[in-house]
Amino acid sequence: MTEISGMRPPTALPALRDGADAAAGRAEDRLRTASEGFEALFVTQILKSARSTSLGPSLLDSSATDTAQSMLDSKLAEVSAGRAGLGLADAIYRQFSAHLGAPGE
């Protein structure tokens, strides 16, 4: 028998499958990160709205306090995204994960 040029040896097929699995894993990781980022943004907006309400002037009101509270709220939202039990990140992930294998990605 003669060898047909351009054919891949059988050992190359699992390597291609592993590469496709790795790419799919990266896409899932990116989607999970984006979902959690959106939930963090949502939680940040909730905290910002809650902080904007007040019953009157405070003794601690200053721009430094506002900046520190804003930074704290952002970090709190970032850390709690996906763990806070809101389910928003999971819902977004489930909604868009069906499209991960779609052509034109």
PDB file of N, CA and C in Angstrom:
ATOM      1  N   MET A   1       0.833  -1.189   0.000  1.00  0.00           N
ATOM      2  CA  MET A   1       0.000   0.000   0.000  1.00  0.00           C
ATOM      3  C   MET A   1       0.869   1.240   0.000  1.00  0.00           C
ATOM      4  N   THR A   2       0.395   2.238  -0.654  1.00  0.00           N
ATOM      5  CA  THR A   2       1.136   3.488  -0.663  1.00  0.00           C
ATOM      6  C   THR A   2       0.490   4.441   0.321  1.00  0.00           C
ATOM      7  N   GLU A   3       1.300   5.320   0.847  1.00  0.00           N
ATOM      8  CA  GLU A   3       0.813   6.310   1.817  1.00  0.00           C
ATOM      9  C   GLU A   3       0.208   7.487   1.070  1.00  0.00           C
ATOM     10  N   ILE A   4      -0.953   7.902   1.485  1.00  0.00           N
ATOM     11  CA  ILE A   4      -1.628   9.032   0.857  1.00  0.00           C
ATOM     12  C   ILE A   4      -1.121  10.295   1.536  1.00  0.00           C
ATOM     13  N   SER A   5      -0.587  11.198   0.737  1.00  0.00           N
ATOM     14  CA  SER A   5      -0.055  12.426   1.326  1.00  0.00           C
ATOM     15  C   SER A   5      -1.186  13.323   1.791  1.00  0.00           C
ATOM     16  N   GLY A   6      -0.929  14.081   2.842  1.00  0.00           N
ATOM     17  CA  GLY A   6      -1.918  15.008   3.359  1.00  0.00           C
ATOM     18  C   GLY A   6      -2.798  14.407   4.443  1.00  0.00           C
ATOM     19  N   MET A   7      -2.675  13.107   4.674  1.00  0.00           N
ATOM     20  CA  MET A   7      -3.475  12.483   5.728  1.00  0.00           C
ATOM     21  C   MET A   7      -2.749  12.626   7.058  1.00  0.00           C
ATOM     22  N   ARG A   8      -3.502  12.875   8.082  1.00  0.00           N
ATOM     23  CA  ARG A   8      -2.929  12.973   9.422  1.00  0.00           C
ATOM     24  C   ARG A   8      -2.786  11.580  10.002  1.00  0.00           C
ATOM     25  N   PRO A   9      -1.734  11.372  10.746  1.00  0.00           N
ATOM     26  CA  PRO A   9      -1.629  10.077  11.418  1.00  0.00           C
ATOM     27  C   PRO A   9      -2.704   9.979  12.493  1.00  0.00           C
ATOM     28  N   PRO A  10      -3.136   8.783  12.845  1.00  0.00           N
ATOM     29  CA  PRO A  10      -4.206   8.619  13.826  1.00  0.00           C
ATOM     30  C   PRO A  10      -3.908   9.260  15.172  1.00  0.00           C
ATOM     31  N   THR A  11      -2.646   9.438  15.517  1.00  0.00           N
ATOM     32  CA  THR A  11      -2.305  10.047  16.804  1.00  0.00           C
ATOM     33  C   THR A  11      -2.608  11.533  16.832  1.00  0.00           C
ATOM     34  N   ALA A  12      -2.789  12.185  15.694  1.00  0.00           N
ATOM     35  CA  ALA A  12      -3.056  13.621  15.655  1.00  0.00           C
ATOM     36  C   ALA A  12      -4.514  13.932  15.984  1.00  0.00           C
ATOM     37  N   LEU A  13      -5.414  12.998  15.775  1.00  0.00           N
ATOM     38  CA  LEU A  13      -6.829  13.257  16.013  1.00  0.00           C
ATOM     39  C   LEU A  13      -7.136  13.545  17.485  1.00  0.00           C
ATOM     40  N   PRO A  14      -6.624  12.778  18.440  1.00  0.00           N
ATOM     41  CA  PRO A  14      -6.875  13.135  19.842  1.00  0.00           C
ATOM     42  C   PRO A  14      -6.302  14.504  20.207  1.00  0.00           C
ATOM     43  N   ALA A  15      -5.182  14.878  19.602  1.00  0.00           N
ATOM     44  CA  ALA A  15      -4.604  16.186  19.883  1.00  0.00           C
ATOM     45  C   ALA A  15      -5.532  17.297  19.410  1.00  0.00           C
ATOM     46  N   LEU A  16      -6.160  17.115  18.258  1.00  0.00           N
ATOM     47  CA  LEU A  16      -7.113  18.110  17.766  1.00  0.00           C
ATOM     48  C   LEU A  16      -8.321  18.189  18.684  1.00  0.00           C
ATOM     49  N   ARG A  17      -8.784  17.033  19.153  1.00  0.00           N
ATOM     50  CA  ARG A  17      -9.928  17.003  20.053  1.00  0.00           C
ATOM     51  C   ARG A  17      -9.580  17.697  21.364  1.00  0.00           C
ATOM     52  N   ASP A  18      -8.364  17.465  21.863  1.00  0.00           N
ATOM     53  CA  ASP A  18      -7.923  18.129  23.092  1.00  0.00           C
ATOM     54  C   ASP A  18      -7.866  19.639  22.903  1.00  0.00           C
ATOM     55  N   GLY A  19      -7.424  20.091  21.744  1.00  0.00           N
ATOM     56  CA  GLY A  19      -7.377  21.520  21.460  1.00  0.00           C
ATOM     57  C   GLY A  19      -8.763  22.131  21.416  1.00  0.00           C
ATOM     58  N   ALA A  20      -9.710  21.408  20.835  1.00  0.00           N
ATOM     59  CA  ALA A  20     -11.092  21.904  20.781  1.00  0.00           C
ATOM     60  C   ALA A  20     -11.693  21.943  22.179  1.00  0.00           C
ATOM     61  N   ASP A  21     -11.387  20.918  22.992  1.00  0.00           N
ATOM     62  CA  ASP A  21     -11.877  20.904  24.374  1.00  0.00           C
ATOM     63  C   ASP A  21     -11.288  22.066  25.169  1.00  0.00           C
ATOM     64  N   ALA A  22     -10.025  22.362  24.948  1.00  0.00           N
ATOM     65  CA  ALA A  22      -9.377  23.472  25.652  1.00  0.00           C
ATOM     66  C   ALA A  22      -9.996  24.806  25.232  1.00  0.00           C
ATOM     67  N   ALA A  23     -10.278  24.954  23.936  1.00  0.00           N
ATOM     68  CA  ALA A  23     -10.898  26.195  23.458  1.00  0.00           C
ATOM     69  C   ALA A  23     -12.295  26.354  24.037  1.00  0.00           C
ATOM     70  N   ALA A  24     -13.038  25.252  24.108  1.00  0.00           N
ATOM     71  CA  ALA A  24     -14.381  25.310  24.690  1.00  0.00           C
ATOM     72  C   ALA A  24     -14.298  25.655  26.171  1.00  0.00           C
ATOM     73  N   GLY A  25     -13.303  25.114  26.859  1.00  0.00           N
ATOM     74  CA  GLY A  25     -13.108  25.423  28.278  1.00  0.00           C
ATOM     75  C   GLY A  25     -12.783  26.890  28.488  1.00  0.00           C
ATOM     76  N   ARG A  26     -11.956  27.448  27.609  1.00  0.00           N
ATOM     77  CA  ARG A  26     -11.616  28.876  27.707  1.00  0.00           C
ATOM     78  C   ARG A  26     -12.854  29.734  27.462  1.00  0.00           C
ATOM     79  N   ALA A  27     -13.681  29.340  26.497  1.00  0.00           N
ATOM     80  CA  ALA A  27     -14.905  30.101  26.213  1.00  0.00           C
ATOM     81  C   ALA A  27     -15.855  30.042  27.405  1.00  0.00           C
ATOM     82  N   GLU A  28     -15.951  28.874  28.046  1.00  0.00           N
ATOM     83  CA  GLU A  28     -16.795  28.753  29.230  1.00  0.00           C
ATOM     84  C   GLU A  28     -16.259  29.607  30.375  1.00  0.00           C
ATOM     85  N   ASP A  29     -14.940  29.622  30.535  1.00  0.00           N
ATOM     86  CA  ASP A  29     -14.329  30.454  31.585  1.00  0.00           C
ATOM     87  C   ASP A  29     -14.589  31.935  31.330  1.00  0.00           C
ATOM     88  N   ARG A  30     -14.460  32.356  30.069  1.00  0.00           N
ATOM     89  CA  ARG A  30     -14.713  33.761  29.736  1.00  0.00           C
ATOM     90  C   ARG A  30     -16.169  34.127  29.977  1.00  0.00           C
ATOM     91  N   LEU A  31     -17.082  33.221  29.633  1.00  0.00           N
ATOM     92  CA  LEU A  31     -18.506  33.469  29.852  1.00  0.00           C
ATOM     93  C   LEU A  31     -18.810  33.537  31.343  1.00  0.00           C
ATOM     94  N   ARG A  32     -18.225  32.641  32.137  1.00  0.00           N
ATOM     95  CA  ARG A  32     -18.437  32.656  33.588  1.00  0.00           C
ATOM     96  C   ARG A  32     -17.909  33.965  34.177  1.00  0.00           C
ATOM     97  N   THR A  33     -16.733  34.409  33.737  1.00  0.00           N
ATOM     98  CA  THR A  33     -16.149  35.659  34.225  1.00  0.00           C
ATOM     99  C   THR A  33     -17.024  36.852  33.848  1.00  0.00           C
ATOM    100  N   ALA A  34     -17.511  36.864  32.617  1.00  0.00           N
ATOM    101  CA  ALA A  34     -18.384  37.959  32.180  1.00  0.00           C
ATOM    102  C   ALA A  34     -19.698  37.961  32.957  1.00  0.00           C
ATOM    103  N   SER A  35     -20.247  36.782  33.213  1.00  0.00           N
ATOM    104  CA  SER A  35     -21.498  36.685  33.973  1.00  0.00           C
ATOM    105  C   SER A  35     -21.317  37.214  35.390  1.00  0.00           C
ATOM    106  N   GLU A  36     -20.210  36.818  36.018  1.00  0.00           N
ATOM    107  CA  GLU A  36     -19.941  37.300  37.369  1.00  0.00           C
ATOM    108  C   GLU A  36     -19.637  38.799  37.376  1.00  0.00           C
ATOM    109  N   GLY A  37     -18.991  39.290  36.321  1.00  0.00           N
ATOM    110  CA  GLY A  37     -18.728  40.719  36.215  1.00  0.00           C
ATOM    111  C   GLY A  37     -20.014  41.521  36.097  1.00  0.00           C
ATOM    112  N   PHE A  38     -20.976  40.998  35.344  1.00  0.00           N
ATOM    113  CA  PHE A  38     -22.260  41.687  35.219  1.00  0.00           C
ATOM    114  C   PHE A  38     -22.987  41.690  36.553  1.00  0.00           C
ATOM    115  N   GLU A  39     -22.944  40.559  37.268  1.00  0.00           N
ATOM    116  CA  GLU A  39     -23.585  40.508  38.582  1.00  0.00           C
ATOM    117  C   GLU A  39     -22.907  41.486  39.543  1.00  0.00           C
ATOM    118  N   ALA A  40     -21.583  41.585  39.470  1.00  0.00           N
ATOM    119  CA  ALA A  40     -20.857  42.540  40.321  1.00  0.00           C
ATOM    120  C   ALA A  40     -21.278  43.969  40.005  1.00  0.00           C
ATOM    121  N   LEU A  41     -21.432  44.286  38.730  1.00  0.00           N
ATOM    122  CA  LEU A  41     -21.890  45.614  38.335  1.00  0.00           C
ATOM    123  C   LEU A  41     -23.287  45.891  38.875  1.00  0.00           C
ATOM    124  N   PHE A  42     -24.152  44.892  38.808  1.00  0.00           N
ATOM    125  CA  PHE A  42     -25.516  45.033  39.309  1.00  0.00           C
ATOM    126  C   PHE A  42     -25.510  45.269  40.830  1.00  0.00           C
ATOM    127  N   VAL A  43     -24.720  44.491  41.559  1.00  0.00           N
ATOM    128  CA  VAL A  43     -24.633  44.650  43.013  1.00  0.00           C
ATOM    129  C   VAL A  43     -24.049  46.020  43.358  1.00  0.00           C
ATOM    130  N   THR A  44     -23.065  46.471  42.589  1.00  0.00           N
ATOM    131  CA  THR A  44     -22.483  47.801  42.811  1.00  0.00           C
ATOM    132  C   THR A  44     -23.548  48.881  42.676  1.00  0.00           C
ATOM    133  N   GLN A  45     -24.382  48.777  41.661  1.00  0.00           N
ATOM    134  CA  GLN A  45     -25.439  49.767  41.456  1.00  0.00           C
ATOM    135  C   GLN A  45     -26.462  49.728  42.591  1.00  0.00           C
ATOM    136  N   ILE A  46     -26.769  48.538  43.085  1.00  0.00           N
ATOM    137  CA  ILE A  46     -27.687  48.422  44.218  1.00  0.00           C
ATOM    138  C   ILE A  46     -27.089  49.108  45.444  1.00  0.00           C
ATOM    139  N   LEU A  47     -25.811  48.831  45.717  1.00  0.00           N
ATOM    140  CA  LEU A  47     -25.159  49.439  46.876  1.00  0.00           C
ATOM    141  C   LEU A  47     -25.064  50.955  46.728  1.00  0.00           C
ATOM    142  N   LYS A  48     -24.781  51.420  45.508  1.00  0.00           N
ATOM    143  CA  LYS A  48     -24.691  52.854  45.266  1.00  0.00           C
ATOM    144  C   LYS A  48     -26.038  53.524  45.515  1.00  0.00           C
ATOM    145  N   SER A  49     -27.107  52.888  45.064  1.00  0.00           N
ATOM    146  CA  SER A  49     -28.450  53.431  45.302  1.00  0.00           C
ATOM    147  C   SER A  49     -28.782  53.433  46.785  1.00  0.00           C
ATOM    148  N   ALA A  50     -28.411  52.383  47.479  1.00  0.00           N
ATOM    149  CA  ALA A  50     -28.687  52.309  48.906  1.00  0.00           C
ATOM    150  C   ALA A  50     -27.906  53.369  49.674  1.00  0.00           C
ATOM    151  N   ARG A  51     -26.678  53.618  49.280  1.00  0.00           N
ATOM    152  CA  ARG A  51     -25.863  54.622  49.959  1.00  0.00           C
ATOM    153  C   ARG A  51     -26.339  56.050  49.668  1.00  0.00           C
ATOM    154  N   SER A  52     -26.982  56.254  48.528  1.00  0.00           N
ATOM    155  CA  SER A  52     -27.408  57.604  48.177  1.00  0.00           C
ATOM    156  C   SER A  52     -28.601  58.072  49.016  1.00  0.00           C
ATOM    157  N   THR A  53     -29.324  57.123  49.589  1.00  0.00           N
ATOM    158  CA  THR A  53     -30.424  57.510  50.471  1.00  0.00           C
ATOM    159  C   THR A  53     -29.863  57.884  51.830  1.00  0.00           C
ATOM    160  N   SER A  54     -30.401  58.918  52.419  1.00  0.00           N
ATOM    161  CA  SER A  54     -29.922  59.325  53.738  1.00  0.00           C
ATOM    162  C   SER A  54     -31.062  59.959  54.519  1.00  0.00           C
ATOM    163  N   LEU A  55     -30.901  59.931  55.810  1.00  0.00           N
ATOM    164  CA  LEU A  55     -31.906  60.527  56.685  1.00  0.00           C
ATOM    165  C   LEU A  55     -31.542  61.958  57.080  1.00  0.00           C
ATOM    166  N   GLY A  56     -30.362  62.373  56.714  1.00  0.00           N
ATOM    167  CA  GLY A  56     -29.920  63.717  57.043  1.00  0.00           C
ATOM    168  C   GLY A  56     -28.411  63.793  56.994  1.00  0.00           C
ATOM    169  N   PRO A  57     -27.850  64.940  57.336  1.00  0.00           N
ATOM    170  CA  PRO A  57     -26.397  65.094  57.293  1.00  0.00           C
ATOM    171  C   PRO A  57     -25.717  64.212  58.351  1.00  0.00           C
ATOM    172  N   SER A  58     -24.530  63.769  58.005  1.00  0.00           N
ATOM    173  CA  SER A  58     -23.754  62.919  58.901  1.00  0.00           C
ATOM    174  C   SER A  58     -22.504  63.656  59.348  1.00  0.00           C
ATOM    175  N   LEU A  59     -21.976  63.263  60.477  1.00  0.00           N
ATOM    176  CA  LEU A  59     -20.741  63.867  60.965  1.00  0.00           C
ATOM    177  C   LEU A  59     -19.531  63.431  60.143  1.00  0.00           C
ATOM    178  N   LEU A  60     -19.663  62.321  59.440  1.00  0.00           N
ATOM    179  CA  LEU A  60     -18.536  61.768  58.695  1.00  0.00           C
ATOM    180  C   LEU A  60     -18.575  62.080  57.207  1.00  0.00           C
ATOM    181  N   ASP A  61     -19.490  62.946  56.764  1.00  0.00           N
ATOM    182  CA  ASP A  61     -19.594  63.252  55.339  1.00  0.00           C
ATOM    183  C   ASP A  61     -18.370  64.012  54.851  1.00  0.00           C
ATOM    184  N   SER A  62     -17.715  63.442  53.853  1.00  0.00           N
ATOM    185  CA  SER A  62     -16.600  64.106  53.176  1.00  0.00           C
ATOM    186  C   SER A  62     -16.353  63.374  51.863  1.00  0.00           C
ATOM    187  N   SER A  63     -15.579  63.979  51.001  1.00  0.00           N
ATOM    188  CA  SER A  63     -15.286  63.324  49.724  1.00  0.00           C
ATOM    189  C   SER A  63     -14.415  62.084  49.948  1.00  0.00           C
ATOM    190  N   ALA A  64     -13.564  62.100  50.960  1.00  0.00           N
ATOM    191  CA  ALA A  64     -12.730  60.936  51.256  1.00  0.00           C
ATOM    192  C   ALA A  64     -13.594  59.765  51.712  1.00  0.00           C
ATOM    193  N   THR A  65     -14.570  60.034  52.541  1.00  0.00           N
ATOM    194  CA  THR A  65     -15.480  58.984  53.006  1.00  0.00           C
ATOM    195  C   THR A  65     -16.277  58.427  51.831  1.00  0.00           C
ATOM    196  N   ASP A  66     -16.746  59.306  50.952  1.00  0.00           N
ATOM    197  CA  ASP A  66     -17.496  58.862  49.778  1.00  0.00           C
ATOM    198  C   ASP A  66     -16.640  57.972  48.882  1.00  0.00           C
ATOM    199  N   THR A  67     -15.382  58.364  48.685  1.00  0.00           N
ATOM    200  CA  THR A  67     -14.469  57.575  47.856  1.00  0.00           C
ATOM    201  C   THR A  67     -14.199  56.216  48.484  1.00  0.00           C
ATOM    202  N   ALA A  68     -13.947  56.212  49.775  1.00  0.00           N
ATOM    203  CA  ALA A  68     -13.676  54.951  50.470  1.00  0.00           C
ATOM    204  C   ALA A  68     -14.889  54.025  50.419  1.00  0.00           C
ATOM    205  N   GLN A  69     -16.082  54.575  50.624  1.00  0.00           N
ATOM    206  CA  GLN A  69     -17.288  53.750  50.560  1.00  0.00           C
ATOM    207  C   GLN A  69     -17.519  53.211  49.156  1.00  0.00           C
ATOM    208  N   SER A  70     -17.231  54.014  48.157  1.00  0.00           N
ATOM    209  CA  SER A  70     -17.382  53.579  46.775  1.00  0.00           C
ATOM    210  C   SER A  70     -16.417  52.428  46.462  1.00  0.00           C
ATOM    211  N   MET A  71     -15.182  52.571  46.908  1.00  0.00           N
ATOM    212  CA  MET A  71     -14.190  51.514  46.693  1.00  0.00           C
ATOM    213  C   MET A  71     -14.580  50.242  47.441  1.00  0.00           C
ATOM    214  N   LEU A  72     -15.066  50.394  48.665  1.00  0.00           N
ATOM    215  CA  LEU A  72     -15.506  49.249  49.452  1.00  0.00           C
ATOM    216  C   LEU A  72     -16.682  48.543  48.778  1.00  0.00           C
ATOM    217  N   ASP A  73     -17.630  49.321  48.298  1.00  0.00           N
ATOM    218  CA  ASP A  73     -18.788  48.743  47.619  1.00  0.00           C
ATOM    219  C   ASP A  73     -18.368  47.976  46.364  1.00  0.00           C
ATOM    220  N   SER A  74     -17.439  48.541  45.595  1.00  0.00           N
ATOM    221  CA  SER A  74     -16.980  47.870  44.374  1.00  0.00           C
ATOM    222  C   SER A  74     -16.293  46.551  44.699  1.00  0.00           C
ATOM    223  N   LYS A  75     -15.437  46.554  45.702  1.00  0.00           N
ATOM    224  CA  LYS A  75     -14.732  45.332  46.081  1.00  0.00           C
ATOM    225  C   LYS A  75     -15.701  44.300  46.651  1.00  0.00           C
ATOM    226  N   LEU A  76     -16.642  44.742  47.460  1.00  0.00           N
ATOM    227  CA  LEU A  76     -17.651  43.849  48.015  1.00  0.00           C
ATOM    228  C   LEU A  76     -18.467  43.199  46.907  1.00  0.00           C
ATOM    229  N   ALA A  77     -18.859  43.987  45.929  1.00  0.00           N
ATOM    230  CA  ALA A  77     -19.629  43.453  44.805  1.00  0.00           C
ATOM    231  C   ALA A  77     -18.796  42.472  43.991  1.00  0.00           C
ATOM    232  N   GLU A  78     -17.524  42.784  43.777  1.00  0.00           N
ATOM    233  CA  GLU A  78     -16.633  41.910  43.014  1.00  0.00           C
ATOM    234  C   GLU A  78     -16.445  40.565  43.717  1.00  0.00           C
ATOM    235  N   VAL A  79     -16.229  40.605  45.020  1.00  0.00           N
ATOM    236  CA  VAL A  79     -15.993  39.379  45.782  1.00  0.00           C
ATOM    237  C   VAL A  79     -17.265  38.549  45.899  1.00  0.00           C
ATOM    238  N   SER A  80     -18.399  39.206  46.034  1.00  0.00           N
ATOM    239  CA  SER A  80     -19.647  38.472  46.244  1.00  0.00           C
ATOM    240  C   SER A  80     -20.289  37.985  44.953  1.00  0.00           C
ATOM    241  N   ALA A  81     -19.851  38.470  43.810  1.00  0.00           N
ATOM    242  CA  ALA A  81     -20.453  38.055  42.532  1.00  0.00           C
ATOM    243  C   ALA A  81     -20.301  36.554  42.349  1.00  0.00           C
ATOM    244  N   GLY A  82     -21.400  35.893  42.078  1.00  0.00           N
ATOM    245  CA  GLY A  82     -21.393  34.456  41.886  1.00  0.00           C
ATOM    246  C   GLY A  82     -21.507  33.685  43.188  1.00  0.00           C
ATOM    247  N   ARG A  83     -21.310  34.352  44.321  1.00  0.00           N
ATOM    248  CA  ARG A  83     -21.372  33.684  45.622  1.00  0.00           C
ATOM    249  C   ARG A  83     -22.467  34.245  46.510  1.00  0.00           C
ATOM    250  N   ALA A  84     -23.026  35.360  46.125  1.00  0.00           N
ATOM    251  CA  ALA A  84     -23.988  36.051  46.986  1.00  0.00           C
ATOM    252  C   ALA A  84     -25.343  35.358  47.032  1.00  0.00           C
ATOM    253  N   GLY A  85     -25.577  34.444  46.140  1.00  0.00           N
ATOM    254  CA  GLY A  85     -26.857  33.754  46.135  1.00  0.00           C
ATOM    255  C   GLY A  85     -27.941  34.485  45.361  1.00  0.00           C
ATOM    256  N   LEU A  86     -27.562  35.526  44.627  1.00  0.00           N
ATOM    257  CA  LEU A  86     -28.556  36.224  43.806  1.00  0.00           C
ATOM    258  C   LEU A  86     -28.982  35.372  42.621  1.00  0.00           C
ATOM    259  N   GLY A  87     -28.057  34.608  42.094  1.00  0.00           N
ATOM    260  CA  GLY A  87     -28.368  33.744  40.964  1.00  0.00           C
ATOM    261  C   GLY A  87     -28.311  34.433  39.620  1.00  0.00           C
ATOM    262  N   LEU A  88     -27.982  35.709  39.605  1.00  0.00           N
ATOM    263  CA  LEU A  88     -27.940  36.450  38.351  1.00  0.00           C
ATOM    264  C   LEU A  88     -26.820  35.930  37.447  1.00  0.00           C
ATOM    265  N   ALA A  89     -25.637  35.711  38.007  1.00  0.00           N
ATOM    266  CA  ALA A  89     -24.515  35.200  37.211  1.00  0.00           C
ATOM    267  C   ALA A  89     -24.844  33.821  36.643  1.00  0.00           C
ATOM    268  N   ASP A  90     -25.456  32.966  37.447  1.00  0.00           N
ATOM    269  CA  ASP A  90     -25.824  31.632  36.964  1.00  0.00           C
ATOM    270  C   ASP A  90     -26.867  31.703  35.860  1.00  0.00           C
ATOM    271  N   ALA A  91     -27.845  32.586  36.013  1.00  0.00           N
ATOM    272  CA  ALA A  91     -28.881  32.727  34.990  1.00  0.00           C
ATOM    273  C   ALA A  91     -28.294  33.231  33.671  1.00  0.00           C
ATOM    274  N   ILE A  92     -27.399  34.197  33.755  1.00  0.00           N
ATOM    275  CA  ILE A  92     -26.746  34.720  32.544  1.00  0.00           C
ATOM    276  C   ILE A  92     -25.906  33.630  31.899  1.00  0.00           C
ATOM    277  N   TYR A  93     -25.166  32.898  32.714  1.00  0.00           N
ATOM    278  CA  TYR A  93     -24.324  31.818  32.192  1.00  0.00           C
ATOM    279  C   TYR A  93     -25.168  30.765  31.481  1.00  0.00           C
ATOM    280  N   ARG A  94     -26.264  30.332  32.107  1.00  0.00           N
ATOM    281  CA  ARG A  94     -27.133  29.330  31.488  1.00  0.00           C
ATOM    282  C   ARG A  94     -27.734  29.848  30.185  1.00  0.00           C
ATOM    283  N   GLN A  95     -28.119  31.119  30.171  1.00  0.00           N
ATOM    284  CA  GLN A  95     -28.745  31.703  28.986  1.00  0.00           C
ATOM    285  C   GLN A  95     -27.794  31.706  27.791  1.00  0.00           C
ATOM    286  N   PHE A  96     -26.542  32.079  28.028  1.00  0.00           N
ATOM    287  CA  PHE A  96     -25.605  32.235  26.920  1.00  0.00           C
ATOM    288  C   PHE A  96     -24.746  31.008  26.657  1.00  0.00           C
ATOM    289  N   SER A  97     -24.700  30.053  27.579  1.00  0.00           N
ATOM    290  CA  SER A  97     -23.862  28.873  27.368  1.00  0.00           C
ATOM    291  C   SER A  97     -24.382  28.011  26.221  1.00  0.00           C
ATOM    292  N   ALA A  98     -25.659  28.111  25.916  1.00  0.00           N
ATOM    293  CA  ALA A  98     -26.210  27.361  24.786  1.00  0.00           C
ATOM    294  C   ALA A  98     -25.635  27.850  23.463  1.00  0.00           C
ATOM    295  N   HIS A  99     -25.114  29.059  23.450  1.00  0.00           N
ATOM    296  CA  HIS A  99     -24.576  29.643  22.219  1.00  0.00           C
ATOM    297  C   HIS A  99     -23.066  29.504  22.098  1.00  0.00           C
ATOM    298  N   LEU A 100     -22.419  28.848  23.052  1.00  0.00           N
ATOM    299  CA  LEU A 100     -20.955  28.727  23.002  1.00  0.00           C
ATOM    300  C   LEU A 100     -20.465  27.947  21.795  1.00  0.00           C
ATOM    301  N   GLY A 101     -21.157  26.906  21.428  1.00  0.00           N
ATOM    302  CA  GLY A 101     -20.725  26.082  20.309  1.00  0.00           C
ATOM    303  C   GLY A 101     -21.271  26.542  18.981  1.00  0.00           C
ATOM    304  N   ALA A 102     -21.971  27.677  18.966  1.00  0.00           N
ATOM    305  CA  ALA A 102     -22.586  28.153  17.729  1.00  0.00           C
ATOM    306  C   ALA A 102     -21.535  28.633  16.738  1.00  0.00           C
ATOM    307  N   PRO A 103     -21.765  28.422  15.451  1.00  0.00           N
ATOM    308  CA  PRO A 103     -20.819  28.914  14.434  1.00  0.00           C
ATOM    309  C   PRO A 103     -20.785  30.429  14.422  1.00  0.00           C
ATOM    310  N   GLY A 104     -19.657  30.975  14.033  1.00  0.00           N
ATOM    311  CA  GLY A 104     -19.498  32.432  13.967  1.00  0.00           C
ATOM    312  C   GLY A 104     -19.083  33.015  15.281  1.00  0.00           C
ATOM    313  N   GLU A 105     -18.575  32.192  16.178  1.00  0.00           N
ATOM    314  CA  GLU A 105     -18.155  32.657  17.504  1.00  0.00           C
ATOM    315  C   GLU A 105     -16.874  33.440  17.420  1.00  0.00           C
TER     316      GLU A 105
END
